[in-house]
Amino acid sequence: MPLRLDHVVIAVSEWERSHAFYRDVLSAEVVPLGPGRFAYAFGDQRLNVHGPGTDAGDLVASDPVKPGNSDLCLEWPGPAEQAVEHLRGHGVAIEAGPVERPGARGRGTSVYFRDPDGTLLELISYAQGDRQDELAAGSANARARAEVESARATGGQEAAERRAQVARRERLLEERLALLEALPNGGILGVAGHEEDP
């Protein structure tokens, strides 16, 4: 039976600032879990958040998560360029990207940035447009280069074939002229079936 990721834990240093960032920038639903406990929900997956006043009890990692020491990737539903525009529209600095990266669903295009505490966040796009645009651009460039090379080669080849054809015709004409000159009565009129008038 395949497993699915249900939630992971992050830590923040200031509730309101973090709620605003995850809600406004990443469209998370801020879910209260009890006194001093929240989650940021992304559909049926979520980030459980430890912050000021959180009592997580004894069931925490041996080295509990701290603000700014996480590294998370979320899937962006559209092209990576739209993610960049979205982040910039919210005043979020881009650390890297768009760059091609491996993700859970294969190769994607990622953009990196940080939350207010310094946690590294990544938005990865598997949108067909990203890969198709890259492939199309690469393909179009490759096709254009191939066409130019082919035209050069073909143009050169066609010109060489034309020169060879002209040379063959010239040799054939010279051979025929030589045969005509060897005929009686100056050749040409005799060949044409005309006789000279007396």
N, C-alpha and C. Protein backbone atom coordinates (compact mmCIF):
# COMPACT_ATOMS: atom_id res chain seq x y z
N MET A 1 0.85 -1.18 0.00
CA MET A 1 0.00 0.00 0.00
C MET A 1 0.89 1.24 0.00
N PRO A 2 0.73 2.13 -1.01
CA PRO A 2 1.57 3.34 -1.06
C PRO A 2 1.18 4.32 0.04
N LEU A 3 2.17 4.98 0.60
CA LEU A 3 1.95 6.00 1.62
C LEU A 3 1.90 7.37 0.99
N ARG A 4 1.26 8.30 1.66
CA ARG A 4 1.21 9.70 1.22
C ARG A 4 1.70 10.56 2.36
N LEU A 5 2.31 11.66 2.02
CA LEU A 5 2.74 12.62 3.02
C LEU A 5 1.51 13.37 3.53
N ASP A 6 1.33 13.39 4.85
CA ASP A 6 0.18 14.05 5.46
C ASP A 6 0.55 15.46 5.92
N HIS A 7 1.62 15.57 6.71
CA HIS A 7 2.07 16.87 7.18
C HIS A 7 3.54 16.80 7.59
N VAL A 8 4.16 17.96 7.62
CA VAL A 8 5.50 18.11 8.19
C VAL A 8 5.42 19.30 9.15
N VAL A 9 6.43 19.43 9.99
CA VAL A 9 6.43 20.49 10.99
C VAL A 9 7.47 21.53 10.63
N ILE A 10 7.07 22.79 10.71
CA ILE A 10 8.00 23.90 10.59
C ILE A 10 7.88 24.73 11.87
N ALA A 11 8.83 25.60 12.08
CA ALA A 11 8.77 26.50 13.24
C ALA A 11 8.87 27.94 12.76
N VAL A 12 8.19 28.82 13.47
CA VAL A 12 8.21 30.25 13.15
C VAL A 12 8.51 31.03 14.43
N SER A 13 9.00 32.23 14.27
CA SER A 13 9.34 33.05 15.45
C SER A 13 8.25 34.07 15.79
N GLU A 14 7.34 34.33 14.85
CA GLU A 14 6.31 35.34 15.08
C GLU A 14 5.04 34.91 14.34
N TRP A 15 3.97 34.70 15.08
CA TRP A 15 2.75 34.16 14.49
C TRP A 15 2.16 35.04 13.39
N GLU A 16 1.85 36.28 13.71
CA GLU A 16 1.12 37.12 12.74
C GLU A 16 1.89 37.30 11.44
N ARG A 17 3.17 37.55 11.54
CA ARG A 17 3.99 37.74 10.34
C ARG A 17 3.98 36.46 9.49
N SER A 18 4.14 35.31 10.13
CA SER A 18 4.15 34.04 9.41
C SER A 18 2.78 33.70 8.85
N HIS A 19 1.71 33.94 9.63
CA HIS A 19 0.36 33.69 9.11
C HIS A 19 0.14 34.51 7.84
N ALA A 20 0.50 35.79 7.90
CA ALA A 20 0.30 36.67 6.75
C ALA A 20 1.08 36.16 5.53
N PHE A 21 2.33 35.76 5.74
CA PHE A 21 3.16 35.29 4.64
C PHE A 21 2.58 34.02 4.01
N TYR A 22 2.32 33.00 4.83
CA TYR A 22 1.84 31.74 4.28
C TYR A 22 0.43 31.87 3.71
N ARG A 23 -0.40 32.71 4.31
CA ARG A 23 -1.76 32.93 3.81
C ARG A 23 -1.75 33.76 2.53
N ASP A 24 -1.07 34.91 2.56
CA ASP A 24 -1.15 35.85 1.45
C ASP A 24 -0.25 35.47 0.27
N VAL A 25 0.93 34.98 0.56
CA VAL A 25 1.88 34.67 -0.51
C VAL A 25 1.66 33.26 -1.05
N LEU A 26 1.40 32.30 -0.16
CA LEU A 26 1.31 30.91 -0.60
C LEU A 26 -0.11 30.35 -0.59
N SER A 27 -1.09 31.20 -0.29
CA SER A 27 -2.51 30.81 -0.31
C SER A 27 -2.84 29.66 0.64
N ALA A 28 -2.12 29.57 1.74
CA ALA A 28 -2.41 28.54 2.73
C ALA A 28 -3.61 28.96 3.57
N GLU A 29 -4.36 27.99 4.02
CA GLU A 29 -5.42 28.25 4.99
C GLU A 29 -4.80 28.13 6.37
N VAL A 30 -4.93 29.17 7.19
CA VAL A 30 -4.41 29.13 8.55
C VAL A 30 -5.45 28.42 9.42
N VAL A 31 -5.05 27.26 9.95
CA VAL A 31 -5.97 26.42 10.71
C VAL A 31 -5.55 26.40 12.18
N PRO A 32 -6.40 26.92 13.10
CA PRO A 32 -6.08 26.84 14.52
C PRO A 32 -6.20 25.39 15.00
N LEU A 33 -5.23 24.93 15.76
CA LEU A 33 -5.24 23.55 16.27
C LEU A 33 -5.42 23.50 17.79
N GLY A 34 -5.46 24.63 18.40
CA GLY A 34 -5.56 24.71 19.86
C GLY A 34 -4.72 25.88 20.32
N PRO A 35 -4.64 26.08 21.64
CA PRO A 35 -3.87 27.22 22.16
C PRO A 35 -2.40 27.18 21.69
N GLY A 36 -1.99 28.23 20.99
CA GLY A 36 -0.60 28.33 20.53
C GLY A 36 -0.21 27.29 19.49
N ARG A 37 -1.20 26.73 18.79
CA ARG A 37 -0.90 25.71 17.76
C ARG A 37 -1.70 26.02 16.50
N PHE A 38 -0.98 25.99 15.38
CA PHE A 38 -1.61 26.27 14.09
C PHE A 38 -1.06 25.31 13.04
N ALA A 39 -1.78 25.25 11.93
CA ALA A 39 -1.30 24.55 10.74
C ALA A 39 -1.57 25.45 9.54
N TYR A 40 -0.75 25.28 8.51
CA TYR A 40 -0.98 25.94 7.24
C TYR A 40 -1.39 24.84 6.26
N ALA A 41 -2.66 24.87 5.86
CA ALA A 41 -3.21 23.80 5.01
C ALA A 41 -3.11 24.19 3.54
N PHE A 42 -2.69 23.20 2.75
CA PHE A 42 -2.64 23.29 1.29
C PHE A 42 -3.48 22.12 0.78
N GLY A 43 -4.76 22.33 0.66
CA GLY A 43 -5.64 21.23 0.31
C GLY A 43 -5.66 20.21 1.44
N ASP A 44 -5.40 18.96 1.10
CA ASP A 44 -5.42 17.92 2.13
C ASP A 44 -4.03 17.63 2.70
N GLN A 45 -3.09 18.50 2.44
CA GLN A 45 -1.75 18.39 3.03
C GLN A 45 -1.49 19.66 3.83
N ARG A 46 -0.64 19.55 4.84
CA ARG A 46 -0.43 20.74 5.63
C ARG A 46 0.92 20.76 6.31
N LEU A 47 1.24 21.98 6.73
CA LEU A 47 2.41 22.21 7.57
C LEU A 47 1.89 22.46 8.99
N ASN A 48 2.27 21.63 9.94
CA ASN A 48 1.97 21.93 11.34
C ASN A 48 3.05 22.90 11.80
N VAL A 49 2.64 23.93 12.52
CA VAL A 49 3.56 25.02 12.82
C VAL A 49 3.80 25.12 14.33
N HIS A 50 5.07 25.09 14.71
CA HIS A 50 5.46 25.36 16.09
C HIS A 50 5.95 26.80 16.14
N GLY A 51 5.52 27.52 17.15
CA GLY A 51 5.92 28.91 17.28
C GLY A 51 5.85 29.35 18.73
N PRO A 52 5.87 30.66 18.95
CA PRO A 52 5.83 31.17 20.32
C PRO A 52 4.62 30.62 21.09
N GLY A 53 4.89 30.02 22.24
CA GLY A 53 3.82 29.49 23.10
C GLY A 53 3.38 28.09 22.75
N THR A 54 3.96 27.47 21.73
CA THR A 54 3.57 26.11 21.36
C THR A 54 4.14 25.11 22.36
N ASP A 55 3.27 24.25 22.88
CA ASP A 55 3.73 23.14 23.71
C ASP A 55 3.47 21.87 22.91
N ALA A 56 4.50 21.38 22.27
CA ALA A 56 4.36 20.19 21.42
C ALA A 56 4.53 18.91 22.22
N GLY A 57 4.83 19.02 23.51
CA GLY A 57 5.01 17.83 24.33
C GLY A 57 6.32 17.15 24.02
N ASP A 58 6.34 15.83 24.29
CA ASP A 58 7.57 15.06 24.11
C ASP A 58 7.70 14.47 22.70
N LEU A 59 6.63 14.52 21.95
CA LEU A 59 6.67 13.90 20.62
C LEU A 59 7.16 14.90 19.58
N VAL A 60 8.45 15.20 19.69
CA VAL A 60 9.10 16.09 18.73
C VAL A 60 10.39 15.42 18.28
N ALA A 61 10.99 15.95 17.25
CA ALA A 61 12.26 15.40 16.76
C ALA A 61 13.33 15.51 17.84
N SER A 62 14.34 14.65 17.77
CA SER A 62 15.45 14.71 18.73
C SER A 62 16.07 16.09 18.76
N ASP A 63 16.21 16.70 17.60
CA ASP A 63 16.66 18.08 17.50
C ASP A 63 15.47 18.84 16.92
N PRO A 64 14.62 19.40 17.80
CA PRO A 64 13.37 20.02 17.32
C PRO A 64 13.62 21.10 16.26
N VAL A 65 12.66 21.16 15.34
CA VAL A 65 12.73 22.15 14.28
C VAL A 65 12.75 23.55 14.88
N LYS A 66 13.51 24.42 14.24
CA LYS A 66 13.66 25.81 14.71
C LYS A 66 13.28 26.75 13.56
N PRO A 67 12.89 27.97 13.90
CA PRO A 67 12.58 28.93 12.84
C PRO A 67 13.77 29.09 11.88
N GLY A 68 13.48 28.98 10.60
CA GLY A 68 14.51 29.21 9.59
C GLY A 68 15.36 28.01 9.23
N ASN A 69 15.12 26.82 9.84
CA ASN A 69 16.00 25.70 9.48
C ASN A 69 15.28 24.60 8.69
N SER A 70 14.24 24.98 7.99
CA SER A 70 13.54 24.01 7.14
C SER A 70 13.81 24.32 5.68
N ASP A 71 13.48 23.36 4.85
CA ASP A 71 13.67 23.46 3.41
C ASP A 71 12.49 22.72 2.79
N LEU A 72 11.56 23.46 2.20
CA LEU A 72 10.32 22.87 1.72
C LEU A 72 10.07 23.21 0.26
N CYS A 73 9.40 22.30 -0.42
CA CYS A 73 9.03 22.54 -1.82
C CYS A 73 7.53 22.35 -1.96
N LEU A 74 6.89 23.31 -2.60
CA LEU A 74 5.46 23.25 -2.89
C LEU A 74 5.28 23.27 -4.40
N GLU A 75 4.26 22.59 -4.86
CA GLU A 75 4.00 22.56 -6.31
C GLU A 75 3.18 23.77 -6.72
N TRP A 76 3.69 24.51 -7.71
CA TRP A 76 2.99 25.66 -8.29
C TRP A 76 2.14 25.14 -9.45
N PRO A 77 0.85 25.55 -9.54
CA PRO A 77 -0.03 24.98 -10.56
C PRO A 77 0.16 25.49 -11.99
N GLY A 78 0.88 26.59 -12.17
CA GLY A 78 1.06 27.15 -13.51
C GLY A 78 2.51 27.18 -13.89
N PRO A 79 2.85 27.92 -14.94
CA PRO A 79 4.24 28.06 -15.37
C PRO A 79 5.08 28.77 -14.31
N ALA A 80 6.34 28.44 -14.24
CA ALA A 80 7.26 29.00 -13.24
C ALA A 80 7.36 30.52 -13.37
N GLU A 81 7.27 31.05 -14.58
CA GLU A 81 7.34 32.51 -14.75
C GLU A 81 6.19 33.20 -14.02
N GLN A 82 5.03 32.55 -13.96
CA GLN A 82 3.91 33.11 -13.20
C GLN A 82 4.21 33.10 -11.71
N ALA A 83 4.90 32.07 -11.24
CA ALA A 83 5.29 32.01 -9.83
C ALA A 83 6.22 33.18 -9.51
N VAL A 84 7.16 33.45 -10.39
CA VAL A 84 8.08 34.57 -10.19
C VAL A 84 7.29 35.88 -10.10
N GLU A 85 6.37 36.09 -11.04
CA GLU A 85 5.56 37.31 -11.04
C GLU A 85 4.75 37.42 -9.76
N HIS A 86 4.18 36.29 -9.32
CA HIS A 86 3.38 36.26 -8.10
C HIS A 86 4.22 36.65 -6.89
N LEU A 87 5.39 36.05 -6.75
CA LEU A 87 6.26 36.34 -5.61
C LEU A 87 6.71 37.80 -5.64
N ARG A 88 7.14 38.27 -6.78
CA ARG A 88 7.57 39.68 -6.89
C ARG A 88 6.43 40.63 -6.57
N GLY A 89 5.22 40.25 -6.97
CA GLY A 89 4.04 41.07 -6.68
C GLY A 89 3.78 41.20 -5.18
N HIS A 90 4.26 40.23 -4.42
CA HIS A 90 4.13 40.27 -2.96
C HIS A 90 5.41 40.78 -2.29
N GLY A 91 6.35 41.27 -3.08
CA GLY A 91 7.58 41.82 -2.52
C GLY A 91 8.55 40.77 -2.00
N VAL A 92 8.43 39.54 -2.49
CA VAL A 92 9.30 38.45 -2.05
C VAL A 92 10.51 38.37 -2.98
N ALA A 93 11.70 38.37 -2.38
CA ALA A 93 12.94 38.30 -3.17
C ALA A 93 13.15 36.87 -3.67
N ILE A 94 13.52 36.75 -4.94
CA ILE A 94 13.83 35.45 -5.54
C ILE A 94 15.30 35.15 -5.26
N GLU A 95 15.56 33.98 -4.71
CA GLU A 95 16.96 33.59 -4.44
C GLU A 95 17.59 32.91 -5.65
N ALA A 96 16.78 32.12 -6.35
CA ALA A 96 17.28 31.43 -7.55
C ALA A 96 16.10 31.02 -8.40
N GLY A 97 16.36 30.94 -9.71
CA GLY A 97 15.35 30.41 -10.60
C GLY A 97 14.75 31.49 -11.49
N PRO A 98 13.94 31.00 -12.40
CA PRO A 98 13.54 29.62 -12.61
C PRO A 98 14.69 28.75 -13.11
N VAL A 99 14.80 27.57 -12.51
CA VAL A 99 15.82 26.59 -12.89
C VAL A 99 15.19 25.22 -12.94
N GLU A 100 15.71 24.36 -13.81
CA GLU A 100 15.19 23.00 -13.91
C GLU A 100 15.73 22.18 -12.75
N ARG A 101 14.83 21.44 -12.09
CA ARG A 101 15.18 20.62 -10.93
C ARG A 101 14.37 19.33 -10.94
N PRO A 102 14.90 18.29 -10.30
CA PRO A 102 14.10 17.07 -10.14
C PRO A 102 13.13 17.24 -8.97
N GLY A 103 11.92 16.75 -9.15
CA GLY A 103 10.92 16.80 -8.09
C GLY A 103 10.24 15.45 -7.95
N ALA A 104 9.21 15.39 -7.13
CA ALA A 104 8.50 14.14 -6.87
C ALA A 104 7.85 13.57 -8.13
N ARG A 105 7.49 14.43 -9.07
CA ARG A 105 6.82 13.99 -10.30
C ARG A 105 7.73 14.01 -11.52
N GLY A 106 9.03 14.16 -11.31
CA GLY A 106 9.96 14.21 -12.43
C GLY A 106 10.64 15.57 -12.50
N ARG A 107 11.08 15.92 -13.71
CA ARG A 107 11.76 17.21 -13.90
C ARG A 107 10.72 18.32 -13.89
N GLY A 108 11.07 19.41 -13.22
CA GLY A 108 10.20 20.58 -13.18
C GLY A 108 11.05 21.83 -13.23
N THR A 109 10.39 22.95 -13.16
CA THR A 109 11.08 24.24 -13.15
C THR A 109 10.81 24.89 -11.80
N SER A 110 11.88 25.23 -11.07
CA SER A 110 11.75 25.71 -9.69
C SER A 110 12.18 27.16 -9.51
N VAL A 111 11.56 27.77 -8.50
CA VAL A 111 11.89 29.13 -8.07
C VAL A 111 12.11 29.04 -6.56
N TYR A 112 13.23 29.62 -6.07
CA TYR A 112 13.58 29.56 -4.66
C TYR A 112 13.45 30.93 -4.00
N PHE A 113 12.98 30.92 -2.74
CA PHE A 113 12.82 32.14 -1.95
C PHE A 113 12.76 31.73 -0.48
N ARG A 114 12.60 32.68 0.42
CA ARG A 114 12.59 32.36 1.86
C ARG A 114 11.36 32.94 2.55
N ASP A 115 10.95 32.25 3.63
CA ASP A 115 9.87 32.81 4.46
C ASP A 115 10.49 33.85 5.40
N PRO A 116 9.69 34.57 6.18
CA PRO A 116 10.24 35.64 7.02
C PRO A 116 11.31 35.18 8.02
N ASP A 117 11.32 33.89 8.39
CA ASP A 117 12.33 33.39 9.33
C ASP A 117 13.56 32.83 8.62
N GLY A 118 13.53 32.75 7.31
CA GLY A 118 14.69 32.25 6.58
C GLY A 118 14.57 30.82 6.10
N THR A 119 13.42 30.17 6.35
CA THR A 119 13.21 28.82 5.81
C THR A 119 13.26 28.91 4.29
N LEU A 120 14.02 28.00 3.68
CA LEU A 120 14.12 27.98 2.22
C LEU A 120 12.87 27.33 1.65
N LEU A 121 12.24 28.05 0.76
CA LEU A 121 11.04 27.55 0.09
C LEU A 121 11.29 27.47 -1.40
N GLU A 122 10.64 26.50 -2.00
CA GLU A 122 10.78 26.27 -3.44
C GLU A 122 9.39 26.07 -4.01
N LEU A 123 9.11 26.73 -5.10
CA LEU A 123 7.90 26.45 -5.87
C LEU A 123 8.35 25.74 -7.14
N ILE A 124 7.84 24.52 -7.34
CA ILE A 124 8.20 23.76 -8.54
C ILE A 124 6.99 23.69 -9.45
N SER A 125 7.21 23.89 -10.72
CA SER A 125 6.15 23.83 -11.72
C SER A 125 6.39 22.64 -12.64
N TYR A 126 5.36 21.83 -12.77
CA TYR A 126 5.39 20.73 -13.75
C TYR A 126 4.51 21.09 -14.95
N ALA A 127 4.13 22.36 -15.05
CA ALA A 127 3.26 22.80 -16.13
C ALA A 127 3.87 22.42 -17.46
N GLN A 128 3.05 21.87 -18.33
CA GLN A 128 3.53 21.47 -19.65
C GLN A 128 4.14 22.64 -20.39
N GLY A 129 3.60 23.82 -20.16
CA GLY A 129 4.12 25.00 -20.86
C GLY A 129 5.59 25.24 -20.60
N ASP A 130 6.03 25.06 -19.33
CA ASP A 130 7.43 25.29 -19.00
C ASP A 130 8.33 24.37 -19.82
N ARG A 131 8.08 23.09 -19.74
CA ARG A 131 8.93 22.13 -20.43
C ARG A 131 8.73 22.24 -21.94
N GLN A 132 7.47 22.39 -22.37
CA GLN A 132 7.22 22.48 -23.80
C GLN A 132 7.84 23.74 -24.37
N ASP A 133 7.76 24.86 -23.61
CA ASP A 133 8.38 26.09 -24.09
C ASP A 133 9.88 25.91 -24.22
N GLU A 134 10.49 25.29 -23.18
CA GLU A 134 11.94 25.06 -23.23
C GLU A 134 12.28 24.12 -24.39
N LEU A 135 11.50 23.01 -24.48
CA LEU A 135 11.77 22.05 -25.55
C LEU A 135 11.50 22.67 -26.91
N ALA A 136 10.38 23.42 -27.00
CA ALA A 136 10.05 24.04 -28.28
C ALA A 136 11.12 25.03 -28.68
N ALA A 137 11.56 25.83 -27.70
CA ALA A 137 12.60 26.80 -28.02
C ALA A 137 13.86 26.07 -28.46
N GLY A 138 14.23 25.04 -27.71
CA GLY A 138 15.41 24.26 -28.07
C GLY A 138 15.22 23.57 -29.40
N SER A 139 14.02 23.02 -29.59
CA SER A 139 13.70 22.32 -30.82
C SER A 139 13.68 23.29 -32.00
N ALA A 140 13.06 24.44 -31.79
CA ALA A 140 13.00 25.43 -32.87
C ALA A 140 14.41 25.90 -33.24
N ASN A 141 15.23 26.13 -32.22
CA ASN A 141 16.60 26.53 -32.48
C ASN A 141 17.35 25.43 -33.21
N ALA A 142 17.16 24.20 -32.75
CA ALA A 142 17.84 23.08 -33.39
C ALA A 142 17.36 22.92 -34.83
N ARG A 143 16.03 23.04 -35.04
CA ARG A 143 15.49 22.94 -36.40
C ARG A 143 16.05 24.05 -37.28
N ALA A 144 16.08 25.27 -36.74
CA ALA A 144 16.59 26.41 -37.52
C ALA A 144 18.04 26.19 -37.89
N ARG A 145 18.84 25.73 -36.91
CA ARG A 145 20.26 25.45 -37.21
C ARG A 145 20.38 24.36 -38.26
N ALA A 146 19.56 23.31 -38.13
CA ALA A 146 19.62 22.21 -39.09
C ALA A 146 19.21 22.69 -40.48
N GLU A 147 18.17 23.55 -40.53
CA GLU A 147 17.73 24.07 -41.82
C GLU A 147 18.81 24.93 -42.47
N VAL A 148 19.47 25.75 -41.65
CA VAL A 148 20.55 26.60 -42.18
C VAL A 148 21.68 25.72 -42.70
N GLU A 149 22.07 24.74 -41.90
CA GLU A 149 23.15 23.83 -42.33
C GLU A 149 22.73 23.07 -43.58
N SER A 150 21.48 22.60 -43.58
CA SER A 150 20.99 21.86 -44.74
C SER A 150 20.97 22.75 -45.97
N ALA A 151 20.52 24.00 -45.77
CA ALA A 151 20.50 24.93 -46.91
C ALA A 151 21.90 25.19 -47.41
N ARG A 152 22.83 25.35 -46.47
CA ARG A 152 24.22 25.56 -46.89
C ARG A 152 24.72 24.33 -47.65
N ALA A 153 24.49 23.16 -47.03
CA ALA A 153 24.97 21.93 -47.67
C ALA A 153 24.23 21.70 -48.97
N THR A 154 22.89 21.84 -48.92
CA THR A 154 22.10 21.61 -50.12
C THR A 154 22.41 22.66 -51.17
N GLY A 155 22.48 23.92 -50.72
CA GLY A 155 22.81 24.98 -51.66
C GLY A 155 24.15 24.73 -52.31
N GLY A 156 25.12 24.35 -51.53
CA GLY A 156 26.44 24.02 -52.07
C GLY A 156 26.37 22.80 -52.95
N GLN A 157 25.60 21.82 -52.51
CA GLN A 157 25.46 20.59 -53.27
C GLN A 157 24.70 20.86 -54.56
N GLU A 158 23.61 21.64 -54.46
CA GLU A 158 22.84 21.96 -55.66
C GLU A 158 23.69 22.75 -56.65
N ALA A 159 24.46 23.69 -56.16
CA ALA A 159 25.33 24.48 -57.04
C ALA A 159 26.36 23.58 -57.71
N ALA A 160 26.92 22.65 -56.94
CA ALA A 160 27.91 21.72 -57.51
C ALA A 160 27.25 20.83 -58.57
N GLU A 161 26.02 20.38 -58.28
CA GLU A 161 25.30 19.56 -59.26
C GLU A 161 25.00 20.36 -60.52
N ARG A 162 24.59 21.63 -60.35
CA ARG A 162 24.34 22.48 -61.52
C ARG A 162 25.60 22.67 -62.35
N ARG A 163 26.73 22.93 -61.67
CA ARG A 163 28.00 23.11 -62.39
C ARG A 163 28.37 21.83 -63.15
N ALA A 164 28.17 20.68 -62.51
CA ALA A 164 28.49 19.41 -63.16
C ALA A 164 27.58 19.18 -64.36
N GLN A 165 26.29 19.54 -64.19
CA GLN A 165 25.34 19.36 -65.29
C GLN A 165 25.71 20.27 -66.47
N VAL A 166 26.07 21.51 -66.19
CA VAL A 166 26.49 22.44 -67.24
C VAL A 166 27.74 21.90 -67.93
N ALA A 167 28.69 21.39 -67.16
CA ALA A 167 29.93 20.85 -67.74
C ALA A 167 29.62 19.66 -68.64
N ARG A 168 28.69 18.78 -68.20
CA ARG A 168 28.31 17.63 -69.04
C ARG A 168 27.68 18.09 -70.34
N ARG A 169 26.79 19.09 -70.26
CA ARG A 169 26.15 19.61 -71.47
C ARG A 169 27.16 20.23 -72.41
N GLU A 170 28.12 20.98 -71.85
CA GLU A 170 29.15 21.60 -72.69
C GLU A 170 29.97 20.53 -73.40
N ARG A 171 30.35 19.46 -72.66
CA ARG A 171 31.11 18.36 -73.30
C ARG A 171 30.28 17.70 -74.40
N LEU A 172 28.99 17.47 -74.13
CA LEU A 172 28.12 16.84 -75.11
C LEU A 172 27.99 17.72 -76.36
N LEU A 173 27.82 19.03 -76.16
CA LEU A 173 27.74 19.95 -77.29
C LEU A 173 29.03 19.96 -78.10
N GLU A 174 30.18 19.97 -77.42
CA GLU A 174 31.46 19.93 -78.12
C GLU A 174 31.61 18.66 -78.93
N GLU A 175 31.18 17.53 -78.34
CA GLU A 175 31.25 16.26 -79.08
C GLU A 175 30.36 16.30 -80.32
N ARG A 176 29.15 16.83 -80.19
CA ARG A 176 28.23 16.90 -81.31
C ARG A 176 28.75 17.87 -82.39
N LEU A 177 29.30 18.99 -81.94
CA LEU A 177 29.86 19.94 -82.92
C LEU A 177 31.01 19.29 -83.68
N ALA A 178 31.84 18.56 -82.98
CA ALA A 178 32.96 17.87 -83.64
C ALA A 178 32.43 16.89 -84.68
N LEU A 179 31.37 16.14 -84.36
CA LEU A 179 30.77 15.20 -85.31
C LEU A 179 30.17 15.95 -86.51
N LEU A 180 29.52 17.04 -86.25
CA LEU A 180 28.92 17.82 -87.32
C LEU A 180 29.98 18.39 -88.26
N GLU A 181 31.06 18.87 -87.71
CA GLU A 181 32.13 19.43 -88.53
C GLU A 181 32.77 18.36 -89.41
N ALA A 182 32.72 17.11 -88.99
CA ALA A 182 33.31 16.03 -89.77
C ALA A 182 32.42 15.59 -90.93
N LEU A 183 31.18 16.00 -90.96
CA LEU A 183 30.26 15.61 -92.02
C LEU A 183 30.57 16.40 -93.31
N PRO A 184 30.23 15.80 -94.52
CA PRO A 184 30.43 16.53 -95.77
C PRO A 184 29.51 17.74 -95.86
N ASN A 185 29.89 18.66 -96.72
CA ASN A 185 29.14 19.89 -96.97
C ASN A 185 29.05 20.80 -95.75
N GLY A 186 30.00 20.82 -94.95
CA GLY A 186 30.01 21.71 -93.80
C GLY A 186 29.19 21.21 -92.66
N GLY A 187 28.57 20.08 -92.79
CA GLY A 187 27.96 19.42 -91.67
C GLY A 187 26.55 19.84 -91.37
N ILE A 188 26.35 21.04 -91.00
CA ILE A 188 25.07 21.41 -90.40
C ILE A 188 23.95 21.26 -91.41
N LEU A 189 24.09 21.83 -92.60
CA LEU A 189 23.01 21.73 -93.56
C LEU A 189 22.78 20.30 -93.99
N GLY A 190 23.84 19.52 -94.11
CA GLY A 190 23.71 18.12 -94.49
C GLY A 190 23.00 17.33 -93.42
N VAL A 191 23.29 17.64 -92.22
CA VAL A 191 22.66 16.92 -91.11
C VAL A 191 21.19 17.26 -91.07
N ALA A 192 20.87 18.50 -91.42
CA ALA A 192 19.48 18.90 -91.35
C ALA A 192 18.67 18.36 -92.52
N GLY A 193 19.35 17.71 -93.49
CA GLY A 193 18.65 17.14 -94.63
C GLY A 193 18.43 18.11 -95.77
N HIS A 194 19.15 19.23 -95.74
CA HIS A 194 19.04 20.19 -96.82
C HIS A 194 20.25 20.06 -97.72
N GLU A 195 19.98 20.26 -98.98
CA GLU A 195 21.08 20.26 -99.92
C GLU A 195 21.28 21.70 -100.38
N GLU A 196 22.51 22.02 -100.70
CA GLU A 196 22.75 23.37 -101.19
C GLU A 196 22.19 23.51 -102.59
N ASP A 197 21.64 24.68 -102.84
CA ASP A 197 21.13 24.94 -104.19
C ASP A 197 22.32 25.14 -105.13
N PRO A 198 22.19 24.60 -106.45
CA PRO A 198 23.29 24.81 -107.40
C PRO A 198 23.43 26.22 -107.89
